[in-house]
């Protein structure tokens, strides 16, 4: 198996946490891969003609909530 050189890339992720003053609850908002960058993280070459690649996931937006008892 041979490794190939790939171009550099930058991924931008954002996180925001909102909570009350007592910190009994919080809401998390996030965006991963903000600019929806197509990024190849790894390319493997094989003598069999099969070249698997690993890429960054697409833009993902989400929210989480947590509360203390």
C-alpha atoms as a PDB file:
ATOM      1  CA  UNK A   1       0.000   0.000   0.000  1.00  0.00           C
ATOM      2  CA  UNK A   2       1.348   3.452  -0.913  1.00  0.00           C
ATOM      3  CA  UNK A   3       0.432   6.838   0.527  1.00  0.00           C
ATOM      4  CA  UNK A   4      -0.305   9.797  -1.760  1.00  0.00           C
ATOM      5  CA  UNK A   5       0.110  13.494  -0.950  1.00  0.00           C
ATOM      6  CA  UNK A   6      -3.163  15.430  -0.663  1.00  0.00           C
ATOM      7  CA  UNK A   7      -3.928  19.165  -0.585  1.00  0.00           C
ATOM      8  CA  UNK A   8      -4.180  21.016   2.725  1.00  0.00           C
ATOM      9  CA  UNK A   9      -7.599  22.076   3.995  1.00  0.00           C
ATOM     10  CA  UNK A  10      -9.198  23.875   6.945  1.00  0.00           C
ATOM     11  CA  UNK A  11     -12.382  22.839   8.721  1.00  0.00           C
ATOM     12  CA  UNK A  12     -14.267  25.358  10.886  1.00  0.00           C
ATOM     13  CA  UNK A  13     -16.520  24.223  13.736  1.00  0.00           C
ATOM     14  CA  UNK A  14     -18.600  26.473  16.035  1.00  0.00           C
ATOM     15  CA  UNK A  15     -20.009  25.841  19.529  1.00  0.00           C
ATOM     16  CA  UNK A  16     -22.256  28.035  21.677  1.00  0.00           C
ATOM     17  CA  UNK A  17     -23.475  27.182  25.190  1.00  0.00           C
ATOM     18  CA  UNK A  18     -26.309  29.068  26.901  1.00  0.00           C
ATOM     19  CA  UNK A  19     -27.054  28.441  30.575  1.00  0.00           C
ATOM     20  CA  UNK A  20     -28.861  30.006  33.516  1.00  0.00           C
ATOM     21  CA  UNK A  21     -26.975  31.780  36.323  1.00  0.00           C
ATOM     22  CA  UNK A  22     -27.204  28.754  38.648  1.00  0.00           C
ATOM     23  CA  UNK A  23     -25.916  26.431  35.897  1.00  0.00           C
ATOM     24  CA  UNK A  24     -28.796  23.999  36.496  1.00  0.00           C
ATOM     25  CA  UNK A  25     -29.447  23.721  32.754  1.00  0.00           C
ATOM     26  CA  UNK A  26     -27.707  24.484  29.489  1.00  0.00           C
ATOM     27  CA  UNK A  27     -28.411  24.435  25.774  1.00  0.00           C
ATOM     28  CA  UNK A  28     -25.614  23.709  23.290  1.00  0.00           C
ATOM     29  CA  UNK A  29     -25.804  24.821  19.666  1.00  0.00           C
ATOM     30  CA  UNK A  30     -23.200  23.640  17.173  1.00  0.00           C
ATOM     31  CA  UNK A  31     -22.211  23.711  13.519  1.00  0.00           C
ATOM     32  CA  UNK A  32     -19.513  21.335  12.268  1.00  0.00           C
ATOM     33  CA  UNK A  33     -17.798  22.038   8.938  1.00  0.00           C
ATOM     34  CA  UNK A  34     -19.367  25.520   8.776  1.00  0.00           C
ATOM     35  CA  UNK A  35     -18.338  26.222   5.171  1.00  0.00           C
ATOM     36  CA  UNK A  36     -19.253  22.688   3.984  1.00  0.00           C
ATOM     37  CA  UNK A  37     -15.642  22.108   2.900  1.00  0.00           C
ATOM     38  CA  UNK A  38     -15.007  19.031   0.784  1.00  0.00           C
ATOM     39  CA  UNK A  39     -11.921  17.625   2.479  1.00  0.00           C
ATOM     40  CA  UNK A  40     -10.127  14.412   1.654  1.00  0.00           C
ATOM     41  CA  UNK A  41      -8.363  13.288   4.816  1.00  0.00           C
ATOM     42  CA  UNK A  42      -6.562  10.250   3.485  1.00  0.00           C
ATOM     43  CA  UNK A  43      -6.056   8.405   0.205  1.00  0.00           C
ATOM     44  CA  UNK A  44      -4.592   4.926   0.186  1.00  0.00           C
ATOM     45  CA  UNK A  45      -3.247   3.425  -3.027  1.00  0.00           C
ATOM     46  CA  UNK A  46      -3.044  -0.274  -3.617  1.00  0.00           C
ATOM     47  CA  UNK A  47      -1.589  -2.325  -6.441  1.00  0.00           C
ATOM     48  CA  UNK A  48      -5.074  -3.805  -7.031  1.00  0.00           C
ATOM     49  CA  UNK A  49      -6.609  -0.588  -8.427  1.00  0.00           C
ATOM     50  CA  UNK A  50      -8.780   0.020  -5.360  1.00  0.00           C
ATOM     51  CA  UNK A  51      -8.019   3.419  -3.771  1.00  0.00           C
ATOM     52  CA  UNK A  52     -10.097   3.940  -0.593  1.00  0.00           C
ATOM     53  CA  UNK A  53     -10.447   7.539   0.626  1.00  0.00           C
ATOM     54  CA  UNK A  54     -11.566   9.034   3.927  1.00  0.00           C
ATOM     55  CA  UNK A  55     -13.300  12.403   3.792  1.00  0.00           C
ATOM     56  CA  UNK A  56     -14.656  14.967   6.264  1.00  0.00           C
ATOM     57  CA  UNK A  57     -18.388  14.774   6.995  1.00  0.00           C
ATOM     58  CA  UNK A  58     -20.622  17.446   5.413  1.00  0.00           C
ATOM     59  CA  UNK A  59     -21.924  20.467   7.340  1.00  0.00           C
ATOM     60  CA  UNK A  60     -23.806  19.307  10.432  1.00  0.00           C
ATOM     61  CA  UNK A  61     -26.022  21.539  12.570  1.00  0.00           C
ATOM     62  CA  UNK A  62     -27.351  20.460  15.950  1.00  0.00           C
ATOM     63  CA  UNK A  63     -28.549  21.284  19.408  1.00  0.00           C
ATOM     64  CA  UNK A  64     -28.355  19.605  22.808  1.00  0.00           C
ATOM     65  CA  UNK A  65     -30.057  20.245  26.154  1.00  0.00           C
ATOM     66  CA  UNK A  66     -29.031  19.161  29.624  1.00  0.00           C
ATOM     67  CA  UNK A  67     -30.572  19.714  33.044  1.00  0.00           C
ATOM     68  CA  UNK A  68     -29.316  18.885  36.538  1.00  0.00           C
ATOM     69  CA  UNK A  69     -31.825  17.257  38.940  1.00  0.00           C
END
